[in-house]
Structures are given as C-alpha cells and as structure tokens.
Amino acid sequence: MGLLARLRKEWFIIGIVLVILSAKLQPSVGVKGGPLKPEITIAYVAVSLIFFNSGLSLKTEELTSALLHVRLHLFVQSFTLIFFPLAVWLLLQVLTLTAIDQWLLKGLQTVSCMPPPVSSAVILTKAVGGNEAAAIFNSAFGSFLGIVVTPLLLLLFLGSSSSVPFTSIFSQLFMTVVVPLILGQVCRGFLREFLERRRPPFSAISSAVLLMIIYTTFCDTFSNPNIELDPTSLLLVVLIIFSIQVSFMLLTFGVSTRSGSGFSPADTVAIMFCSTHKSLTLGIPMLKIVFEGYEHLSLISVPLLIYHPAQILLGSILVPTIRSWMASRQKSVVEIGPRSNTSVPSEGSNYQTCSPSDGSWSGERTQLPKSAFLRPTTTRTSSWQSGIECPP
C-alpha cells in the first residue's frame, strides 16, 4: 500500500493528531466565547448533526432477521453496559493507589460506560466472515440503548458537573441526541432509495464533525495553564487499554465457545467485537454534554481517544487468526451430505451444485460467492444458509 493510500485510509487518526496540535498552537480560536462559538456550534449544532447522521445511516429496517437471536443480544448488551463498567470500576480501586493521573483513570471509567460503536465492530465482523446481521443489530440497538444508559452510568460512577443540574443534562441529551436520531430515522424512511443508490459518506461526515468537537475540547484544555499531562501516566494508560481489550476479547471468546453455550463460531466473532468495542462517535458528544464545565474534560476524554484506534488496530491484527479459527471450527462441525466427504468450502473456492430434478450431483463447477461463506445450518441435508438447498 502506497503512502498516499495509507494516509487516505488513516485520515481520521491523523486528523486527531493534527487538531490536538492545532489546539495547542492556537487555543484561543476554539475556547468558549472565541471565534468558533463552541458553546453553540459544538454543544448543539455539531452534536445534533452527528446523531442525525447516525439516524440517517442506521439500517434498522434490515435487522428483523437478527431479532430472534435474543441470547446473543442479551450477552452483548449485558457485557458491554453492565459487566464492562463494573470490572473497570473494580480495577480502578487498585489503580487509584498508584501514581497514575487520576483524571486519566476517570477517563478509563468513561470508556467502560460507552455503548458499542456503529461501524468498527461491524466492519471487523464482516472481514472475518462472522454473523454480520447480529453485529449490525447490536451496534444499532446499543447506540439507542446508550442514549439512556450511558449518561446514567457516567453520573453513577463519576457524578455530574456541579454547574449543570441532572434535569438540564437530560433535557440537552434529549434535544441534541434523541430528537436528531429519530428525525434521521424518519428521513431515512422517505429517502431510502436515494441513500442506497448514492451511498453518502456517513462515516466521513460524522468523523469530520467529531474532529471539530475534539479540537474545541483541547482548546479549553490548553487555554488553562493549570492542566498538565504526565507522559508516564499516558504511557501506562495506553498499556492498560490494550490489556483490557485483549483480556475481554479472550473472556468473551472463552464464554461463547464453551460447551452448551449455543453460539456458533460466526456468533462468537460478533460477540467478541461488539462486546469489547466502544463508540467514540457517540462517546465524545455525550462527555461534552454530561461534563460541561469540567476543566479536566479533555483529560477525561484522552482514554477514549486512545481506545478508538487501539480497538481498530488490535482487531485488524487479529482478523486473519480469527478467520482461520472460524474456518477450522466450521470444517470440524459441519457435514455436507452423506454422499460427499467434501470439507467446508471457503470464499472463492469451487463447489458442486445439486440438480433440482433428482438430487444428484450435476457436475457443474460453480464459484462460491462471498455471501455463501456464512454460518452453516443443519437440516435434512446439510446446506449453506445462502447456498442452494439440496433435496433429500
């Protein structure tokens, strides 16, 4: 991959670094009362735009097929919004005894309270060949659930800003999060054909707006001379974040693959990514609302800014390994008919189709499409969910 292609692919991560450097060089531009007027343009316009964009892009009409897998959804949502925050809270009881910056530790707690992301977990699940429908459902449902649950968790574990009462926080959340999200879904109902035909860059739009929010957040930080970031604490937090991700991915893998769990290998892939990934797109605006007035808001935001690229990096590294594991598991548990000892096909391989007239092998060699590499089902004769049903 060339340098230009790499820069295009990683533009958002590069953008985060650039906006933080820009805020350091000229913090007066993005502070309250400055030229950008972030108390209006960011607190209301930018946040509302992100959630309207999320509502417009969420394909909730395509999730009906995933609704019935209730056990998987309960596992993912319980893990990410109950177990994850509690486990991190217990860890922080030990870490608070160390010399690590206390505001960065509070930031770790905020990470734990965030809902699953709308995009990264789905992209990685799809890359491996896992249960994409379940990943989409849990990302979308988690986003809606997070609107209510995440602010409650943040207030429970960290408290709110003394300058903003509880009722004011939720009224602002309702106007800048719930209303735009619902409006986005309503508009999607009228514009569905246009959106599917033109495929607007929803992710890029949200990311660009998010960079503006990050910029103004760090402008507030660098304009305050009393705030300093300890490099040693930052390095330790990075190591802790990677340790949390690896540990929780191993935990979800172990639980979802144990005997009697009822989850297929494809389900396990969706569970691993959806349960351990956290949303930066939804998280930063919520922090901006809930902790409005905190002079240390940017320090609290730092762990979430680290967690986002870390989860993508770690997930991308693990994709080949997880794909190989899933393929081997499918080969060991699936039988493809009594007349053939053929192993489970992989993407791009050739397979024989059944003749619809007499059920015998037609001898026709067909290229296996990508959509066929899904979770197998066992009926009277084994077949792939998106493949061809062979008669008995």
Protein backbone atom coordinates (compact mmCIF):
# COMPACT_ATOMS: atom_id res chain seq x y z
CA MET A 1 0.00 0.00 0.00
CA GLY A 2 1.43 3.38 -1.06
CA LEU A 3 1.93 6.29 1.29
CA LEU A 4 -0.95 8.26 -0.22
CA ALA A 5 -3.32 5.31 0.10
CA ARG A 6 -2.24 4.77 3.70
CA LEU A 7 -2.82 8.44 4.52
CA ARG A 8 -6.29 8.28 2.94
CA LYS A 9 -7.15 5.18 4.93
CA GLU A 10 -5.92 6.56 8.26
CA TRP A 11 -7.04 10.15 7.74
CA PHE A 12 -9.16 10.25 10.89
CA ILE A 13 -6.34 9.16 13.21
CA ILE A 14 -4.03 11.68 11.53
CA GLY A 15 -6.78 14.27 11.89
CA ILE A 16 -6.99 13.69 15.66
CA VAL A 17 -3.25 14.36 15.99
CA LEU A 18 -3.46 17.49 13.81
CA VAL A 19 -6.43 19.06 15.62
CA ILE A 20 -4.78 18.46 19.02
CA LEU A 21 -1.58 20.12 17.74
CA SER A 22 -3.65 22.99 16.31
CA ALA A 23 -5.40 23.44 19.64
CA LYS A 24 -2.00 23.54 21.35
CA LEU A 25 -0.69 26.21 18.97
CA GLN A 26 -3.79 28.44 18.96
CA PRO A 27 -6.23 27.52 21.75
CA SER A 28 -7.99 30.90 21.73
CA VAL A 29 -9.82 30.04 18.48
CA GLY A 30 -11.87 27.18 19.94
CA VAL A 31 -12.45 28.28 23.55
CA LYS A 32 -15.81 29.44 24.84
CA GLY A 33 -16.53 32.92 23.57
CA GLY A 34 -13.90 32.52 20.82
CA PRO A 35 -14.41 32.90 17.06
CA LEU A 36 -15.91 29.39 16.69
CA LYS A 37 -18.51 29.96 19.45
CA PRO A 38 -18.34 26.28 20.55
CA GLU A 39 -20.99 26.82 23.23
CA ILE A 40 -23.45 26.98 20.30
CA THR A 41 -21.80 25.48 17.21
CA ILE A 42 -20.40 22.45 19.03
CA ALA A 43 -22.73 21.89 22.01
CA TYR A 44 -25.85 22.00 19.85
CA VAL A 45 -25.20 22.08 16.08
CA ALA A 46 -22.27 19.62 15.82
CA VAL A 47 -23.64 17.10 18.34
CA SER A 48 -27.09 17.19 16.75
CA LEU A 49 -25.57 16.71 13.29
CA ILE A 50 -23.67 13.60 14.41
CA PHE A 51 -26.78 11.92 15.79
CA PHE A 52 -28.97 12.99 12.87
CA ASN A 53 -26.35 11.45 10.60
CA SER A 54 -26.39 8.27 12.74
CA GLY A 55 -30.18 8.05 12.47
CA LEU A 56 -29.99 8.57 8.73
CA SER A 57 -27.38 5.83 8.26
CA LEU A 58 -28.71 3.12 10.63
CA LYS A 59 -30.35 0.40 8.51
CA THR A 60 -32.83 -0.69 11.17
CA GLU A 61 -35.22 -2.00 8.51
CA GLU A 62 -32.71 -4.76 7.71
CA LEU A 63 -32.38 -6.06 11.27
CA THR A 64 -35.56 -8.12 11.56
CA SER A 65 -33.72 -11.35 10.74
CA ALA A 66 -31.42 -10.84 13.71
CA LEU A 67 -34.16 -10.03 16.24
CA LEU A 68 -34.80 -13.63 17.27
CA HIS A 69 -31.26 -14.31 18.50
CA VAL A 70 -32.18 -12.95 21.94
CA ARG A 71 -29.49 -14.80 23.91
CA LEU A 72 -26.73 -13.29 21.81
CA HIS A 73 -28.14 -9.77 22.15
CA LEU A 74 -28.56 -10.12 25.91
CA PHE A 75 -24.99 -11.36 26.23
CA VAL A 76 -23.50 -8.48 24.21
CA GLN A 77 -25.51 -5.67 25.82
CA SER A 78 -25.09 -7.06 29.35
CA PHE A 79 -21.36 -7.46 28.88
CA THR A 80 -20.72 -4.03 27.38
CA LEU A 81 -23.07 -1.98 29.59
CA ILE A 82 -23.02 -3.91 32.89
CA PHE A 83 -20.01 -6.22 33.24
CA PHE A 84 -17.51 -3.92 31.48
CA PRO A 85 -18.17 -0.83 33.68
CA LEU A 86 -18.20 -2.89 36.89
CA ALA A 87 -14.98 -4.72 36.00
CA VAL A 88 -13.18 -1.46 35.19
CA TRP A 89 -14.51 0.13 38.38
CA LEU A 90 -13.02 -2.72 40.42
CA LEU A 91 -9.72 -2.35 38.55
CA LEU A 92 -9.65 1.38 39.27
CA GLN A 93 -9.99 0.74 43.00
CA VAL A 94 -6.47 -0.70 42.75
CA LEU A 95 -5.09 1.76 40.18
CA THR A 96 -6.11 4.80 42.25
CA LEU A 97 -3.45 3.72 44.76
CA THR A 98 -0.77 4.26 42.09
CA ALA A 99 0.78 7.48 40.78
CA ILE A 100 -1.24 7.42 37.52
CA ASP A 101 -3.06 10.70 36.82
CA GLN A 102 -6.47 10.45 38.48
CA TRP A 103 -8.24 12.25 35.62
CA LEU A 104 -6.92 9.72 33.13
CA LEU A 105 -8.23 6.97 35.40
CA LYS A 106 -11.63 8.66 35.41
CA GLY A 107 -11.34 8.62 31.62
CA LEU A 108 -10.92 4.83 31.71
CA GLN A 109 -14.19 4.63 33.60
CA THR A 110 -15.93 6.75 30.97
CA VAL A 111 -14.65 4.39 28.25
CA SER A 112 -16.26 1.46 30.07
CA CYS A 113 -19.64 3.21 30.10
CA MET A 114 -19.81 3.77 26.35
CA PRO A 115 -22.10 1.76 24.02
CA PRO A 116 -20.72 -0.36 21.15
CA PRO A 117 -19.67 1.57 18.01
CA VAL A 118 -21.84 1.87 14.94
CA SER A 119 -19.13 0.91 12.45
CA SER A 120 -15.86 -0.71 13.58
CA ALA A 121 -17.35 -3.85 15.19
CA VAL A 122 -19.50 -4.47 12.10
CA ILE A 123 -16.59 -3.93 9.68
CA LEU A 124 -14.31 -6.34 11.55
CA THR A 125 -17.06 -8.96 11.96
CA LYS A 126 -17.71 -8.79 8.23
CA ALA A 127 -13.98 -9.00 7.44
CA VAL A 128 -13.73 -12.27 9.39
CA GLY A 129 -16.95 -13.70 7.93
CA GLY A 130 -18.86 -13.68 11.23
CA ASN A 131 -22.51 -13.05 11.98
CA GLU A 132 -22.78 -9.63 10.38
CA ALA A 133 -26.55 -9.29 10.97
CA ALA A 134 -26.04 -9.78 14.72
CA ALA A 135 -23.21 -7.26 14.73
CA ILE A 136 -25.33 -4.67 12.92
CA PHE A 137 -28.26 -5.25 15.27
CA ASN A 138 -26.18 -4.94 18.44
CA SER A 139 -24.37 -1.85 17.19
CA ALA A 140 -27.64 -0.14 16.28
CA PHE A 141 -29.52 -1.31 19.37
CA GLY A 142 -26.56 -0.46 21.61
CA SER A 143 -26.49 3.06 20.17
CA PHE A 144 -30.16 3.60 21.03
CA LEU A 145 -29.74 1.98 24.45
CA GLY A 146 -26.61 4.03 25.14
CA ILE A 147 -28.55 7.28 24.82
CA VAL A 148 -30.23 6.47 28.14
CA VAL A 149 -27.86 4.00 29.84
CA THR A 150 -24.50 5.69 29.18
CA PRO A 151 -25.34 9.08 30.80
CA LEU A 152 -26.79 7.19 33.81
CA LEU A 153 -23.60 5.13 34.14
CA LEU A 154 -21.42 8.23 33.82
CA LEU A 155 -23.38 10.02 36.51
CA LEU A 156 -23.37 6.90 38.71
CA PHE A 157 -19.61 6.31 38.56
CA LEU A 158 -18.30 9.86 38.17
CA GLY A 159 -21.04 12.30 39.14
CA SER A 160 -22.02 15.33 37.06
CA SER A 161 -20.60 18.81 36.72
CA SER A 162 -21.62 20.98 39.65
CA SER A 163 -22.65 23.73 37.26
CA VAL A 164 -25.13 21.57 35.32
CA PRO A 165 -28.10 20.00 37.13
CA PHE A 166 -29.29 16.48 36.36
CA THR A 167 -32.50 17.62 34.63
CA SER A 168 -30.60 20.03 32.41
CA ILE A 169 -28.24 17.25 31.30
CA PHE A 170 -31.08 15.00 30.17
CA SER A 171 -33.06 17.78 28.54
CA GLN A 172 -29.99 18.67 26.47
CA LEU A 173 -29.41 14.98 25.70
CA PHE A 174 -32.99 14.67 24.53
CA MET A 175 -32.80 17.71 22.25
CA THR A 176 -29.33 17.05 20.80
CA VAL A 177 -29.29 13.23 20.75
CA VAL A 178 -32.76 11.64 20.82
CA VAL A 179 -34.62 14.13 18.61
CA PRO A 180 -31.97 14.24 15.83
CA LEU A 181 -31.66 10.43 15.91
CA ILE A 182 -35.43 9.99 15.48
CA LEU A 183 -35.55 12.67 12.77
CA GLY A 184 -32.74 10.87 10.96
CA GLN A 185 -34.68 7.59 11.03
CA VAL A 186 -37.86 9.32 9.80
CA CYS A 187 -35.96 10.98 6.94
CA ARG A 188 -34.38 7.65 6.06
CA GLY A 189 -37.87 6.20 5.55
CA PHE A 190 -38.53 8.79 2.83
CA LEU A 191 -35.03 8.80 1.32
CA ARG A 192 -34.16 5.09 1.49
CA GLU A 193 -33.91 4.50 -2.26
CA PHE A 194 -31.85 7.66 -2.78
CA LEU A 195 -29.50 6.79 0.09
CA GLU A 196 -28.97 3.23 -1.12
CA ARG A 197 -28.33 4.43 -4.66
CA ARG A 198 -25.96 7.31 -3.85
CA ARG A 199 -24.40 5.87 -0.66
CA PRO A 200 -23.44 9.16 1.07
CA PRO A 201 -20.23 9.06 3.16
CA PHE A 202 -21.99 8.96 6.54
CA SER A 203 -18.91 7.80 8.43
CA ALA A 204 -16.69 10.51 6.95
CA ILE A 205 -19.23 13.22 7.79
CA SER A 206 -19.51 12.12 11.43
CA SER A 207 -15.73 11.82 11.72
CA ALA A 208 -15.17 15.32 10.35
CA VAL A 209 -17.66 16.83 12.81
CA LEU A 210 -16.08 14.76 15.59
CA LEU A 211 -12.69 16.32 14.82
CA MET A 212 -14.22 19.76 15.45
CA ILE A 213 -15.53 18.60 18.84
CA ILE A 214 -12.11 17.16 19.77
CA TYR A 215 -10.44 20.40 18.66
CA THR A 216 -12.60 22.65 20.83
CA THR A 217 -12.28 20.26 23.79
CA PHE A 218 -8.48 20.51 23.69
CA CYS A 219 -8.62 24.27 23.10
CA ASP A 220 -10.27 24.52 26.52
CA THR A 221 -7.51 22.35 27.99
CA PHE A 222 -4.54 24.22 26.54
CA SER A 223 -6.03 27.59 27.44
CA ASN A 224 -5.93 26.51 31.10
CA PRO A 225 -2.33 26.78 32.39
CA ASN A 226 -3.11 24.66 35.45
CA ILE A 227 -3.64 21.45 33.44
CA GLU A 228 -0.64 19.25 32.62
CA LEU A 229 -0.50 15.76 31.09
CA ASP A 230 2.01 13.39 32.67
CA PRO A 231 3.78 11.35 29.90
CA THR A 232 4.38 8.38 32.22
CA SER A 233 0.70 8.24 33.17
CA LEU A 234 -0.25 8.44 29.49
CA LEU A 235 2.01 5.52 28.58
CA LEU A 236 0.65 3.41 31.43
CA VAL A 237 -2.93 4.17 30.37
CA VAL A 238 -2.13 3.02 26.80
CA LEU A 239 -0.79 -0.27 28.17
CA ILE A 240 -3.82 -0.68 30.43
CA ILE A 241 -6.19 -0.08 27.49
CA PHE A 242 -4.53 -2.76 25.35
CA SER A 243 -4.53 -5.15 28.33
CA ILE A 244 -8.26 -4.56 28.92
CA GLN A 245 -9.08 -5.17 25.26
CA VAL A 246 -7.06 -8.37 25.00
CA SER A 247 -8.37 -9.71 28.33
CA PHE A 248 -12.02 -9.02 27.50
CA MET A 249 -11.73 -10.46 23.99
CA LEU A 250 -10.27 -13.64 25.47
CA LEU A 251 -13.02 -13.70 28.10
CA THR A 252 -15.86 -13.32 25.58
CA PHE A 253 -14.20 -15.91 23.36
CA GLY A 254 -13.94 -18.41 26.23
CA VAL A 255 -17.54 -17.90 27.41
CA SER A 256 -19.12 -18.00 23.94
CA THR A 257 -17.23 -21.14 22.83
CA ARG A 258 -17.75 -23.23 25.95
CA SER A 259 -19.78 -26.41 25.66
CA GLY A 260 -23.51 -25.76 25.72
CA SER A 261 -23.24 -22.01 25.05
CA GLY A 262 -25.43 -22.36 21.95
CA PHE A 263 -23.32 -19.90 19.95
CA SER A 264 -21.89 -20.74 16.54
CA PRO A 265 -18.36 -19.70 15.51
CA ALA A 266 -19.90 -16.84 13.49
CA ASP A 267 -21.81 -15.70 16.60
CA THR A 268 -18.59 -15.79 18.64
CA VAL A 269 -16.91 -13.39 16.21
CA ALA A 270 -19.77 -10.87 16.52
CA ILE A 271 -19.76 -11.24 20.31
CA MET A 272 -16.01 -10.65 20.60
CA PHE A 273 -16.05 -7.41 18.63
CA CYS A 274 -19.41 -5.96 19.74
CA SER A 275 -18.85 -6.67 23.45
CA THR A 276 -15.39 -5.12 23.68
CA HIS A 277 -15.53 -2.17 21.26
CA LYS A 278 -16.62 1.28 22.42
CA SER A 279 -18.08 4.18 20.44
CA LEU A 280 -16.02 7.35 20.03
CA THR A 281 -18.63 8.95 17.77
CA LEU A 282 -21.32 8.74 20.46
CA GLY A 283 -18.96 9.00 23.44
CA ILE A 284 -17.27 12.37 22.88
CA PRO A 285 -20.54 14.31 22.37
CA MET A 286 -22.05 12.67 25.48
CA LEU A 287 -19.00 13.59 27.57
CA LYS A 288 -19.27 17.14 26.25
CA ILE A 289 -22.85 17.32 27.50
CA VAL A 290 -22.60 15.43 30.80
CA PHE A 291 -19.35 17.06 31.93
CA GLU A 292 -19.94 20.55 30.61
CA GLY A 293 -17.95 22.90 32.83
CA TYR A 294 -15.29 20.36 33.86
CA GLU A 295 -11.88 21.98 33.37
CA HIS A 296 -10.40 18.47 33.09
CA LEU A 297 -12.86 17.30 30.41
CA SER A 298 -10.11 16.84 27.80
CA LEU A 299 -8.07 14.64 30.16
CA ILE A 300 -11.15 12.52 30.82
CA SER A 301 -11.56 12.23 27.02
CA VAL A 302 -7.97 11.06 26.38
CA PRO A 303 -8.50 7.33 27.17
CA LEU A 304 -11.48 7.21 24.79
CA LEU A 305 -9.39 8.87 22.07
CA ILE A 306 -6.76 6.16 22.64
CA TYR A 307 -9.25 3.29 22.89
CA HIS A 308 -10.78 4.00 19.48
CA PRO A 309 -7.67 3.50 17.31
CA ALA A 310 -6.43 0.75 19.66
CA GLN A 311 -9.54 -1.38 19.13
CA ILE A 312 -9.31 -1.00 15.35
CA LEU A 313 -5.57 -1.78 15.33
CA LEU A 314 -5.93 -4.83 17.57
CA GLY A 315 -8.98 -6.10 15.70
CA SER A 316 -7.29 -5.70 12.32
CA ILE A 317 -4.24 -7.65 13.53
CA LEU A 318 -6.45 -10.48 14.81
CA VAL A 319 -8.66 -10.76 11.69
CA PRO A 320 -6.54 -13.45 9.90
CA THR A 321 -6.18 -15.51 13.09
CA ILE A 322 -9.90 -15.38 13.93
CA ARG A 323 -10.85 -16.14 10.32
CA SER A 324 -8.64 -19.24 10.34
CA TRP A 325 -10.10 -20.38 13.65
CA MET A 326 -13.68 -19.93 12.41
CA ALA A 327 -13.00 -21.82 9.19
CA SER A 328 -11.42 -24.72 11.08
CA ARG A 329 -14.34 -24.88 13.51
CA GLN A 330 -16.85 -24.94 10.67
CA LYS A 331 -14.95 -27.71 8.94
CA SER A 332 -14.98 -29.82 12.09
CA VAL A 333 -18.67 -29.49 12.95
CA VAL A 334 -20.44 -29.40 9.57
CA GLU A 335 -21.21 -32.42 7.40
CA ILE A 336 -22.03 -31.68 3.78
CA GLY A 337 -24.28 -34.56 2.85
CA PRO A 338 -23.86 -38.34 3.17
CA ARG A 339 -22.55 -38.81 -0.40
CA SER A 340 -19.64 -36.45 -0.06
CA ASN A 341 -16.71 -36.06 2.28
CA THR A 342 -16.11 -32.56 0.96
CA SER A 343 -14.86 -30.13 3.62
CA VAL A 344 -16.48 -26.80 4.34
CA PRO A 345 -15.84 -24.50 1.38
CA SER A 346 -14.13 -21.18 1.77
CA GLU A 347 -14.66 -17.94 -0.07
CA GLY A 348 -13.69 -18.12 -3.72
CA SER A 349 -13.49 -21.94 -3.86
CA ASN A 350 -15.36 -24.20 -6.29
CA TYR A 351 -18.17 -26.43 -5.18
CA GLN A 352 -20.68 -28.77 -6.87
CA THR A 353 -24.34 -27.91 -7.00
CA CYS A 354 -27.26 -30.31 -6.75
CA SER A 355 -29.57 -30.96 -9.63
CA PRO A 356 -33.08 -29.76 -8.73
CA SER A 357 -34.66 -32.66 -10.61
CA ASP A 358 -33.18 -35.74 -8.97
CA GLY A 359 -30.89 -34.53 -6.20
CA SER A 360 -27.78 -35.98 -7.83
CA TRP A 361 -24.57 -34.09 -8.34
CA SER A 362 -24.88 -32.07 -11.53
CA GLY A 363 -21.14 -31.91 -12.01
CA GLU A 364 -21.33 -28.18 -12.65
CA ARG A 365 -18.46 -26.27 -11.06
CA THR A 366 -19.59 -23.02 -9.54
CA GLN A 367 -17.54 -20.22 -7.98
CA LEU A 368 -18.53 -19.84 -4.34
CA PRO A 369 -19.68 -16.25 -3.73
CA LYS A 370 -18.63 -14.24 -0.70
CA SER A 371 -22.19 -14.21 0.63
CA ALA A 372 -22.15 -18.00 0.81
CA PHE A 373 -19.38 -18.02 3.41
CA LEU A 374 -21.79 -17.75 6.30
CA ARG A 375 -22.82 -19.83 9.27
CA PRO A 376 -23.93 -23.32 8.20
CA THR A 377 -27.30 -24.76 9.02
CA THR A 378 -28.14 -28.41 9.57
CA THR A 379 -31.42 -29.61 8.04
CA ARG A 380 -32.42 -32.96 6.49
CA THR A 381 -29.46 -32.42 4.19
CA SER A 382 -26.69 -30.02 5.16
CA SER A 383 -26.58 -26.76 3.21
CA TRP A 384 -25.28 -23.23 3.45
CA GLN A 385 -27.76 -20.56 4.50
CA SER A 386 -27.17 -18.53 1.36
CA GLY A 387 -26.35 -21.54 -0.84
CA ILE A 388 -28.61 -24.00 -2.67
CA GLU A 389 -30.91 -26.34 -0.79
CA CYS A 390 -30.37 -29.94 -1.98
CA PRO A 391 -33.35 -32.30 -1.91
CA PRO A 392 -33.06 -35.50 0.16
